[in-house]
Amino acid sequence: MPDAHRSTSAPVSLRLPADVTEKLDKVAAFYERPRSWVMLRALRQYLAEEGQEALDIQEGIAEFDRGEGIPLDDILAAIDAKLAELEVKRAAG
């Protein structure tokens, strides 16, 4: 029977500077967890934040390349119209 965990994970090898490994081991000891548990949490957090930002930028570039963007002139015109509307309300109020 195949190992279910093995089919959903892949081994990764990583060389770390000694100071990073030392901190990693201290955190793992504090939580009484293996080093891999701490590394997985750190990687997931990175991917949810900075990594996701990179993917979002990549998707935005792809949308632009497909012609799905809004021309800058249209955006500026909409801003100008909104500012003019607010100016009229301010002057009337």
PDB file of N, CA and C in Angstrom:
ATOM      1  N   MET A   1       0.845  -1.180   0.000  1.00  0.00           N
ATOM      2  CA  MET A   1       0.000   0.000   0.000  1.00  0.00           C
ATOM      3  C   MET A   1       0.890   1.242   0.000  1.00  0.00           C
ATOM      4  N   PRO A   2       0.672   2.193  -0.931  1.00  0.00           N
ATOM      5  CA  PRO A   2       1.527   3.367  -1.009  1.00  0.00           C
ATOM      6  C   PRO A   2       1.342   4.292   0.193  1.00  0.00           C
ATOM      7  N   ASP A   3       2.426   4.963   0.543  1.00  0.00           N
ATOM      8  CA  ASP A   3       2.413   5.927   1.651  1.00  0.00           C
ATOM      9  C   ASP A   3       1.723   7.204   1.186  1.00  0.00           C
ATOM     10  N   ALA A   4       0.589   7.583   1.821  1.00  0.00           N
ATOM     11  CA  ALA A   4      -0.181   8.769   1.411  1.00  0.00           C
ATOM     12  C   ALA A   4       0.636  10.040   1.588  1.00  0.00           C
ATOM     13  N   HIS A   5       1.428  10.121   2.661  1.00  0.00           N
ATOM     14  CA  HIS A   5       2.253  11.326   2.899  1.00  0.00           C
ATOM     15  C   HIS A   5       3.291  11.489   1.794  1.00  0.00           C
ATOM     16  N   ARG A   6       3.868  10.397   1.376  1.00  0.00           N
ATOM     17  CA  ARG A   6       4.907  10.443   0.350  1.00  0.00           C
ATOM     18  C   ARG A   6       4.370  10.976  -0.976  1.00  0.00           C
ATOM     19  N   SER A   7       3.126  10.685  -1.293  1.00  0.00           N
ATOM     20  CA  SER A   7       2.568  11.130  -2.566  1.00  0.00           C
ATOM     21  C   SER A   7       2.200  12.612  -2.556  1.00  0.00           C
ATOM     22  N   THR A   8       2.091  13.223  -1.369  1.00  0.00           N
ATOM     23  CA  THR A   8       1.715  14.629  -1.298  1.00  0.00           C
ATOM     24  C   THR A   8       2.869  15.538  -0.889  1.00  0.00           C
ATOM     25  N   SER A   9       4.059  14.988  -0.750  1.00  0.00           N
ATOM     26  CA  SER A   9       5.202  15.804  -0.397  1.00  0.00           C
ATOM     27  C   SER A   9       6.409  15.385  -1.224  1.00  0.00           C
ATOM     28  N   ALA A  10       7.377  16.281  -1.272  1.00  0.00           N
ATOM     29  CA  ALA A  10       8.593  15.999  -2.034  1.00  0.00           C
ATOM     30  C   ALA A  10       9.796  16.400  -1.196  1.00  0.00           C
ATOM     31  N   PRO A  11      10.841  15.611  -1.217  1.00  0.00           N
ATOM     32  CA  PRO A  11      12.034  15.983  -0.461  1.00  0.00           C
ATOM     33  C   PRO A  11      12.731  17.174  -1.108  1.00  0.00           C
ATOM     34  N   VAL A  12      13.247  18.058  -0.261  1.00  0.00           N
ATOM     35  CA  VAL A  12      13.972  19.229  -0.729  1.00  0.00           C
ATOM     36  C   VAL A  12      15.255  19.333   0.090  1.00  0.00           C
ATOM     37  N   SER A  13      16.342  19.594  -0.589  1.00  0.00           N
ATOM     38  CA  SER A  13      17.617  19.757   0.099  1.00  0.00           C
ATOM     39  C   SER A  13      17.973  21.239   0.117  1.00  0.00           C
ATOM     40  N   LEU A  14      18.466  21.716   1.262  1.00  0.00           N
ATOM     41  CA  LEU A  14      18.733  23.137   1.419  1.00  0.00           C
ATOM     42  C   LEU A  14      19.973  23.331   2.269  1.00  0.00           C
ATOM     43  N   ARG A  15      20.921  24.147   1.793  1.00  0.00           N
ATOM     44  CA  ARG A  15      22.107  24.485   2.574  1.00  0.00           C
ATOM     45  C   ARG A  15      21.848  25.826   3.235  1.00  0.00           C
ATOM     46  N   LEU A  16      22.053  25.881   4.537  1.00  0.00           N
ATOM     47  CA  LEU A  16      21.805  27.098   5.306  1.00  0.00           C
ATOM     48  C   LEU A  16      23.085  27.557   5.999  1.00  0.00           C
ATOM     49  N   PRO A  17      23.232  28.864   6.165  1.00  0.00           N
ATOM     50  CA  PRO A  17      24.352  29.353   6.975  1.00  0.00           C
ATOM     51  C   PRO A  17      24.194  28.858   8.414  1.00  0.00           C
ATOM     52  N   ALA A  18      25.308  28.715   9.101  1.00  0.00           N
ATOM     53  CA  ALA A  18      25.311  28.169  10.459  1.00  0.00           C
ATOM     54  C   ALA A  18      24.431  28.983  11.402  1.00  0.00           C
ATOM     55  N   ASP A  19      24.440  30.314  11.269  1.00  0.00           N
ATOM     56  CA  ASP A  19      23.633  31.132  12.184  1.00  0.00           C
ATOM     57  C   ASP A  19      22.141  30.896  11.980  1.00  0.00           C
ATOM     58  N   VAL A  20      21.721  30.669  10.749  1.00  0.00           N
ATOM     59  CA  VAL A  20      20.304  30.398  10.475  1.00  0.00           C
ATOM     60  C   VAL A  20      19.928  29.027  11.035  1.00  0.00           C
ATOM     61  N   THR A  21      20.790  28.050  10.846  1.00  0.00           N
ATOM     62  CA  THR A  21      20.526  26.713  11.368  1.00  0.00           C
ATOM     63  C   THR A  21      20.432  26.736  12.887  1.00  0.00           C
ATOM     64  N   GLU A  22      21.300  27.512  13.526  1.00  0.00           N
ATOM     65  CA  GLU A  22      21.286  27.609  14.987  1.00  0.00           C
ATOM     66  C   GLU A  22      19.956  28.183  15.484  1.00  0.00           C
ATOM     67  N   LYS A  23      19.499  29.261  14.846  1.00  0.00           N
ATOM     68  CA  LYS A  23      18.210  29.853  15.247  1.00  0.00           C
ATOM     69  C   LYS A  23      17.061  28.899  14.959  1.00  0.00           C
ATOM     70  N   LEU A  24      17.123  28.242  13.832  1.00  0.00           N
ATOM     71  CA  LEU A  24      16.099  27.277  13.453  1.00  0.00           C
ATOM     72  C   LEU A  24      16.002  26.178  14.501  1.00  0.00           C
ATOM     73  N   ASP A  25      17.140  25.674  14.944  1.00  0.00           N
ATOM     74  CA  ASP A  25      17.145  24.620  15.955  1.00  0.00           C
ATOM     75  C   ASP A  25      16.610  25.121  17.295  1.00  0.00           C
ATOM     76  N   LYS A  26      16.900  26.363  17.642  1.00  0.00           N
ATOM     77  CA  LYS A  26      16.396  26.925  18.899  1.00  0.00           C
ATOM     78  C   LYS A  26      14.870  27.055  18.864  1.00  0.00           C
ATOM     79  N   VAL A  27      14.346  27.508  17.738  1.00  0.00           N
ATOM     80  CA  VAL A  27      12.891  27.631  17.600  1.00  0.00           C
ATOM     81  C   VAL A  27      12.247  26.249  17.645  1.00  0.00           C
ATOM     82  N   ALA A  28      12.841  25.300  16.946  1.00  0.00           N
ATOM     83  CA  ALA A  28      12.307  23.930  16.941  1.00  0.00           C
ATOM     84  C   ALA A  28      12.302  23.353  18.354  1.00  0.00           C
ATOM     85  N   ALA A  29      13.371  23.606  19.106  1.00  0.00           N
ATOM     86  CA  ALA A  29      13.439  23.101  20.487  1.00  0.00           C
ATOM     87  C   ALA A  29      12.368  23.760  21.351  1.00  0.00           C
ATOM     88  N   PHE A  30      12.178  25.067  21.181  1.00  0.00           N
ATOM     89  CA  PHE A  30      11.150  25.763  21.959  1.00  0.00           C
ATOM     90  C   PHE A  30       9.772  25.147  21.743  1.00  0.00           C
ATOM     91  N   TYR A  31       9.440  24.878  20.502  1.00  0.00           N
ATOM     92  CA  TYR A  31       8.128  24.310  20.176  1.00  0.00           C
ATOM     93  C   TYR A  31       8.089  22.789  20.325  1.00  0.00           C
ATOM     94  N   GLU A  32       9.227  22.208  20.626  1.00  0.00           N
ATOM     95  CA  GLU A  32       9.345  20.758  20.715  1.00  0.00           C
ATOM     96  C   GLU A  32       8.871  20.095  19.425  1.00  0.00           C
ATOM     97  N   ARG A  33       9.360  20.637  18.345  1.00  0.00           N
ATOM     98  CA  ARG A  33       9.018  20.154  17.003  1.00  0.00           C
ATOM     99  C   ARG A  33      10.302  19.906  16.228  1.00  0.00           C
ATOM    100  N   PRO A  34      10.215  19.134  15.148  1.00  0.00           N
ATOM    101  CA  PRO A  34      11.409  18.935  14.321  1.00  0.00           C
ATOM    102  C   PRO A  34      11.739  20.188  13.502  1.00  0.00           C
ATOM    103  N   ARG A  35      12.963  20.275  13.100  1.00  0.00           N
ATOM    104  CA  ARG A  35      13.435  21.393  12.286  1.00  0.00           C
ATOM    105  C   ARG A  35      12.573  21.550  11.033  1.00  0.00           C
ATOM    106  N   SER A  36      12.168  20.451  10.416  1.00  0.00           N
ATOM    107  CA  SER A  36      11.372  20.519   9.188  1.00  0.00           C
ATOM    108  C   SER A  36      10.027  21.198   9.417  1.00  0.00           C
ATOM    109  N   TRP A  37       9.443  21.040  10.609  1.00  0.00           N
ATOM    110  CA  TRP A  37       8.164  21.680  10.943  1.00  0.00           C
ATOM    111  C   TRP A  37       8.322  23.195  10.935  1.00  0.00           C
ATOM    112  N   VAL A  38       9.408  23.684  11.541  1.00  0.00           N
ATOM    113  CA  VAL A  38       9.669  25.121  11.580  1.00  0.00           C
ATOM    114  C   VAL A  38       9.925  25.642  10.166  1.00  0.00           C
ATOM    115  N   MET A  39      10.707  24.911   9.403  1.00  0.00           N
ATOM    116  CA  MET A  39      11.021  25.335   8.033  1.00  0.00           C
ATOM    117  C   MET A  39       9.762  25.403   7.178  1.00  0.00           C
ATOM    118  N   LEU A  40       8.892  24.417   7.322  1.00  0.00           N
ATOM    119  CA  LEU A  40       7.649  24.401   6.542  1.00  0.00           C
ATOM    120  C   LEU A  40       6.772  25.599   6.894  1.00  0.00           C
ATOM    121  N   ARG A  41       6.647  25.902   8.193  1.00  0.00           N
ATOM    122  CA  ARG A  41       5.857  27.069   8.607  1.00  0.00           C
ATOM    123  C   ARG A  41       6.456  28.360   8.044  1.00  0.00           C
ATOM    124  N   ALA A  42       7.770  28.480   8.087  1.00  0.00           N
ATOM    125  CA  ALA A  42       8.433  29.683   7.580  1.00  0.00           C
ATOM    126  C   ALA A  42       8.222  29.820   6.077  1.00  0.00           C
ATOM    127  N   LEU A  43       8.346  28.731   5.348  1.00  0.00           N
ATOM    128  CA  LEU A  43       8.145  28.779   3.902  1.00  0.00           C
ATOM    129  C   LEU A  43       6.696  29.103   3.547  1.00  0.00           C
ATOM    130  N   ARG A  44       5.768  28.528   4.263  1.00  0.00           N
ATOM    131  CA  ARG A  44       4.353  28.833   3.995  1.00  0.00           C
ATOM    132  C   ARG A  44       4.051  30.308   4.250  1.00  0.00           C
ATOM    133  N   GLN A  45       4.628  30.863   5.313  1.00  0.00           N
ATOM    134  CA  GLN A  45       4.407  32.275   5.602  1.00  0.00           C
ATOM    135  C   GLN A  45       5.014  33.143   4.500  1.00  0.00           C
ATOM    136  N   TYR A  46       6.211  32.806   4.059  1.00  0.00           N
ATOM    137  CA  TYR A  46       6.840  33.548   2.973  1.00  0.00           C
ATOM    138  C   TYR A  46       5.985  33.489   1.707  1.00  0.00           C
ATOM    139  N   LEU A  47       5.525  32.293   1.373  1.00  0.00           N
ATOM    140  CA  LEU A  47       4.716  32.133   0.155  1.00  0.00           C
ATOM    141  C   LEU A  47       3.388  32.868   0.259  1.00  0.00           C
ATOM    142  N   ALA A  48       2.832  32.985   1.446  1.00  0.00           N
ATOM    143  CA  ALA A  48       1.566  33.702   1.629  1.00  0.00           C
ATOM    144  C   ALA A  48       1.750  35.211   1.530  1.00  0.00           C
ATOM    145  N   GLU A  49       2.945  35.694   1.807  1.00  0.00           N
ATOM    146  CA  GLU A  49       3.185  37.139   1.808  1.00  0.00           C
ATOM    147  C   GLU A  49       4.029  37.546   0.598  1.00  0.00           C
ATOM    148  N   GLU A  50       5.322  37.568   0.762  1.00  0.00           N
ATOM    149  CA  GLU A  50       6.215  38.058  -0.295  1.00  0.00           C
ATOM    150  C   GLU A  50       6.137  37.199  -1.556  1.00  0.00           C
ATOM    151  N   GLY A  51       6.050  35.904  -1.381  1.00  0.00           N
ATOM    152  CA  GLY A  51       5.935  35.026  -2.540  1.00  0.00           C
ATOM    153  C   GLY A  51       4.647  35.276  -3.310  1.00  0.00           C
ATOM    154  N   GLN A  52       3.537  35.486  -2.586  1.00  0.00           N
ATOM    155  CA  GLN A  52       2.253  35.770  -3.235  1.00  0.00           C
ATOM    156  C   GLN A  52       2.305  37.099  -3.970  1.00  0.00           C
ATOM    157  N   GLU A  53       2.989  38.070  -3.383  1.00  0.00           N
ATOM    158  CA  GLU A  53       3.128  39.372  -4.046  1.00  0.00           C
ATOM    159  C   GLU A  53       3.825  39.214  -5.396  1.00  0.00           C
ATOM    160  N   ALA A  54       4.865  38.395  -5.436  1.00  0.00           N
ATOM    161  CA  ALA A  54       5.571  38.148  -6.696  1.00  0.00           C
ATOM    162  C   ALA A  54       4.646  37.481  -7.710  1.00  0.00           C
ATOM    163  N   LEU A  55       3.846  36.515  -7.249  1.00  0.00           N
ATOM    164  CA  LEU A  55       2.914  35.844  -8.150  1.00  0.00           C
ATOM    165  C   LEU A  55       1.831  36.794  -8.649  1.00  0.00           C
ATOM    166  N   ASP A  56       1.365  37.696  -7.768  1.00  0.00           N
ATOM    167  CA  ASP A  56       0.364  38.685  -8.169  1.00  0.00           C
ATOM    168  C   ASP A  56       0.927  39.623  -9.233  1.00  0.00           C
ATOM    169  N   ILE A  57       2.168  40.046  -9.059  1.00  0.00           N
ATOM    170  CA  ILE A  57       2.810  40.909 -10.052  1.00  0.00           C
ATOM    171  C   ILE A  57       2.930  40.165 -11.377  1.00  0.00           C
ATOM    172  N   GLN A  58       3.352  38.918 -11.308  1.00  0.00           N
ATOM    173  CA  GLN A  58       3.475  38.105 -12.516  1.00  0.00           C
ATOM    174  C   GLN A  58       2.130  37.991 -13.233  1.00  0.00           C
ATOM    175  N   GLU A  59       1.052  37.778 -12.483  1.00  0.00           N
ATOM    176  CA  GLU A  59      -0.283  37.672 -13.082  1.00  0.00           C
ATOM    177  C   GLU A  59      -0.707  39.006 -13.682  1.00  0.00           C
ATOM    178  N   GLY A  60      -0.390  40.104 -13.004  1.00  0.00           N
ATOM    179  CA  GLY A  60      -0.717  41.424 -13.547  1.00  0.00           C
ATOM    180  C   GLY A  60      -0.010  41.681 -14.868  1.00  0.00           C
ATOM    181  N   ILE A  61       1.233  41.283 -14.954  1.00  0.00           N
ATOM    182  CA  ILE A  61       1.984  41.436 -16.210  1.00  0.00           C
ATOM    183  C   ILE A  61       1.349  40.580 -17.302  1.00  0.00           C
ATOM    184  N   ALA A  62       0.959  39.361 -16.953  1.00  0.00           N
ATOM    185  CA  ALA A  62       0.314  38.474 -17.932  1.00  0.00           C
ATOM    186  C   ALA A  62      -1.017  39.065 -18.405  1.00  0.00           C
ATOM    187  N   GLU A  63      -1.801  39.645 -17.480  1.00  0.00           N
ATOM    188  CA  GLU A  63      -3.060  40.287 -17.865  1.00  0.00           C
ATOM    189  C   GLU A  63      -2.802  41.450 -18.813  1.00  0.00           C
ATOM    190  N   PHE A  64      -1.804  42.247 -18.502  1.00  0.00           N
ATOM    191  CA  PHE A  64      -1.446  43.371 -19.360  1.00  0.00           C
ATOM    192  C   PHE A  64      -1.040  42.876 -20.745  1.00  0.00           C
ATOM    193  N   ASP A  65      -0.234  41.823 -20.793  1.00  0.00           N
ATOM    194  CA  ASP A  65       0.207  41.252 -22.075  1.00  0.00           C
ATOM    195  C   ASP A  65      -0.969  40.719 -22.889  1.00  0.00           C
ATOM    196  N   ARG A  66      -2.031  40.273 -22.196  1.00  0.00           N
ATOM    197  CA  ARG A  66      -3.224  39.778 -22.904  1.00  0.00           C
ATOM    198  C   ARG A  66      -4.174  40.914 -23.280  1.00  0.00           C
ATOM    199  N   GLY A  67      -3.780  42.141 -22.969  1.00  0.00           N
ATOM    200  CA  GLY A  67      -4.615  43.288 -23.314  1.00  0.00           C
ATOM    201  C   GLY A  67      -5.744  43.525 -22.342  1.00  0.00           C
ATOM    202  N   GLU A  68      -5.634  42.996 -21.131  1.00  0.00           N
ATOM    203  CA  GLU A  68      -6.706  43.113 -20.151  1.00  0.00           C
ATOM    204  C   GLU A  68      -6.528  44.314 -19.230  1.00  0.00           C
ATOM    205  N   GLY A  69      -5.534  45.136 -19.469  1.00  0.00           N
ATOM    206  CA  GLY A  69      -5.289  46.294 -18.619  1.00  0.00           C
ATOM    207  C   GLY A  69      -6.180  47.466 -18.993  1.00  0.00           C
ATOM    208  N   ILE A  70      -6.171  48.475 -18.136  1.00  0.00           N
ATOM    209  CA  ILE A  70      -6.914  49.709 -18.396  1.00  0.00           C
ATOM    210  C   ILE A  70      -5.900  50.767 -18.795  1.00  0.00           C
ATOM    211  N   PRO A  71      -6.116  51.438 -19.925  1.00  0.00           N
ATOM    212  CA  PRO A  71      -5.156  52.453 -20.348  1.00  0.00           C
ATOM    213  C   PRO A  71      -5.000  53.556 -19.297  1.00  0.00           C
ATOM    214  N   LEU A  72      -3.779  54.020 -19.099  1.00  0.00           N
ATOM    215  CA  LEU A  72      -3.490  55.041 -18.106  1.00  0.00           C
ATOM    216  C   LEU A  72      -4.313  56.301 -18.343  1.00  0.00           C
ATOM    217  N   ASP A  73      -4.500  56.690 -19.587  1.00  0.00           N
ATOM    218  CA  ASP A  73      -5.297  57.884 -19.889  1.00  0.00           C
ATOM    219  C   ASP A  73      -6.724  57.754 -19.364  1.00  0.00           C
ATOM    220  N   ASP A  74      -7.298  56.555 -19.447  1.00  0.00           N
ATOM    221  CA  ASP A  74      -8.652  56.329 -18.928  1.00  0.00           C
ATOM    222  C   ASP A  74      -8.687  56.469 -17.409  1.00  0.00           C
ATOM    223  N   ILE A  75      -7.670  55.958 -16.750  1.00  0.00           N
ATOM    224  CA  ILE A  75      -7.597  56.055 -15.287  1.00  0.00           C
ATOM    225  C   ILE A  75      -7.453  57.517 -14.866  1.00  0.00           C
ATOM    226  N   LEU A  76      -6.558  58.244 -15.542  1.00  0.00           N
ATOM    227  CA  LEU A  76      -6.353  59.652 -15.214  1.00  0.00           C
ATOM    228  C   LEU A  76      -7.607  60.469 -15.470  1.00  0.00           C
ATOM    229  N   ALA A  77      -8.330  60.168 -16.535  1.00  0.00           N
ATOM    230  CA  ALA A  77      -9.573  60.881 -16.829  1.00  0.00           C
ATOM    231  C   ALA A  77     -10.608  60.617 -15.737  1.00  0.00           C
ATOM    232  N   ALA A  78     -10.689  59.389 -15.259  1.00  0.00           N
ATOM    233  CA  ALA A  78     -11.637  59.057 -14.193  1.00  0.00           C
ATOM    234  C   ALA A  78     -11.269  59.785 -12.901  1.00  0.00           C
ATOM    235  N   ILE A  79      -9.987  59.872 -12.612  1.00  0.00           N
ATOM    236  CA  ILE A  79      -9.537  60.602 -11.419  1.00  0.00           C
ATOM    237  C   ILE A  79      -9.878  62.082 -11.549  1.00  0.00           C
ATOM    238  N   ASP A  80      -9.595  62.657 -12.708  1.00  0.00           N
ATOM    239  CA  ASP A  80      -9.916  64.068 -12.935  1.00  0.00           C
ATOM    240  C   ASP A  80     -11.411  64.330 -12.761  1.00  0.00           C
ATOM    241  N   ALA A  81     -12.238  63.434 -13.289  1.00  0.00           N
ATOM    242  CA  ALA A  81     -13.689  63.595 -13.165  1.00  0.00           C
ATOM    243  C   ALA A  81     -14.122  63.518 -11.704  1.00  0.00           C
ATOM    244  N   LYS A  82     -13.569  62.601 -10.946  1.00  0.00           N
ATOM    245  CA  LYS A  82     -13.916  62.466  -9.539  1.00  0.00           C
ATOM    246  C   LYS A  82     -13.469  63.698  -8.752  1.00  0.00           C
ATOM    247  N   LEU A  83     -12.278  64.194  -9.043  1.00  0.00           N
ATOM    248  CA  LEU A  83     -11.792  65.402  -8.370  1.00  0.00           C
ATOM    249  C   LEU A  83     -12.678  66.607  -8.683  1.00  0.00           C
ATOM    250  N   ALA A  84     -13.102  66.727  -9.934  1.00  0.00           N
ATOM    251  CA  ALA A  84     -13.989  67.831 -10.315  1.00  0.00           C
ATOM    252  C   ALA A  84     -15.326  67.722  -9.579  1.00  0.00           C
ATOM    253  N   GLU A  85     -15.839  66.501  -9.471  1.00  0.00           N
ATOM    254  CA  GLU A  85     -17.100  66.267  -8.751  1.00  0.00           C
ATOM    255  C   GLU A  85     -16.964  66.657  -7.282  1.00  0.00           C
ATOM    256  N   LEU A  86     -15.854  66.269  -6.671  1.00  0.00           N
ATOM    257  CA  LEU A  86     -15.630  66.620  -5.266  1.00  0.00           C
ATOM    258  C   LEU A  86     -15.460  68.122  -5.076  1.00  0.00           C
ATOM    259  N   GLU A  87     -14.832  68.771  -6.018  1.00  0.00           N
ATOM    260  CA  GLU A  87     -14.650  70.223  -5.955  1.00  0.00           C
ATOM    261  C   GLU A  87     -15.995  70.933  -6.026  1.00  0.00           C
ATOM    262  N   VAL A  88     -16.892  70.463  -6.899  1.00  0.00           N
ATOM    263  CA  VAL A  88     -18.234  71.049  -7.011  1.00  0.00           C
ATOM    264  C   VAL A  88     -18.977  70.869  -5.685  1.00  0.00           C
ATOM    265  N   LYS A  89     -18.885  69.674  -5.070  1.00  0.00           N
ATOM    266  CA  LYS A  89     -19.565  69.419  -3.799  1.00  0.00           C
ATOM    267  C   LYS A  89     -18.981  70.283  -2.697  1.00  0.00           C
ATOM    268  N   ARG A  90     -17.679  70.458  -2.687  1.00  0.00           N
ATOM    269  CA  ARG A  90     -17.030  71.283  -1.667  1.00  0.00           C
ATOM    270  C   ARG A  90     -17.455  72.736  -1.808  1.00  0.00           C
ATOM    271  N   ALA A  91     -17.511  73.203  -3.040  1.00  0.00           N
ATOM    272  CA  ALA A  91     -17.905  74.606  -3.287  1.00  0.00           C
ATOM    273  C   ALA A  91     -19.367  74.845  -2.927  1.00  0.00           C
ATOM    274  N   ALA A  92     -20.220  73.846  -3.116  1.00  0.00           N
ATOM    275  CA  ALA A  92     -21.651  73.987  -2.833  1.00  0.00           C
ATOM    276  C   ALA A  92     -21.941  73.833  -1.349  1.00  0.00           C
ATOM    277  N   GLY A  93     -21.061  73.164  -0.638  1.00  0.00           N
ATOM    278  CA  GLY A  93     -21.364  72.809   0.726  1.00  0.00           C
ATOM    279  C   GLY A  93     -20.991  73.783   1.740  1.00  0.00           C
TER     280      GLY A  93
END
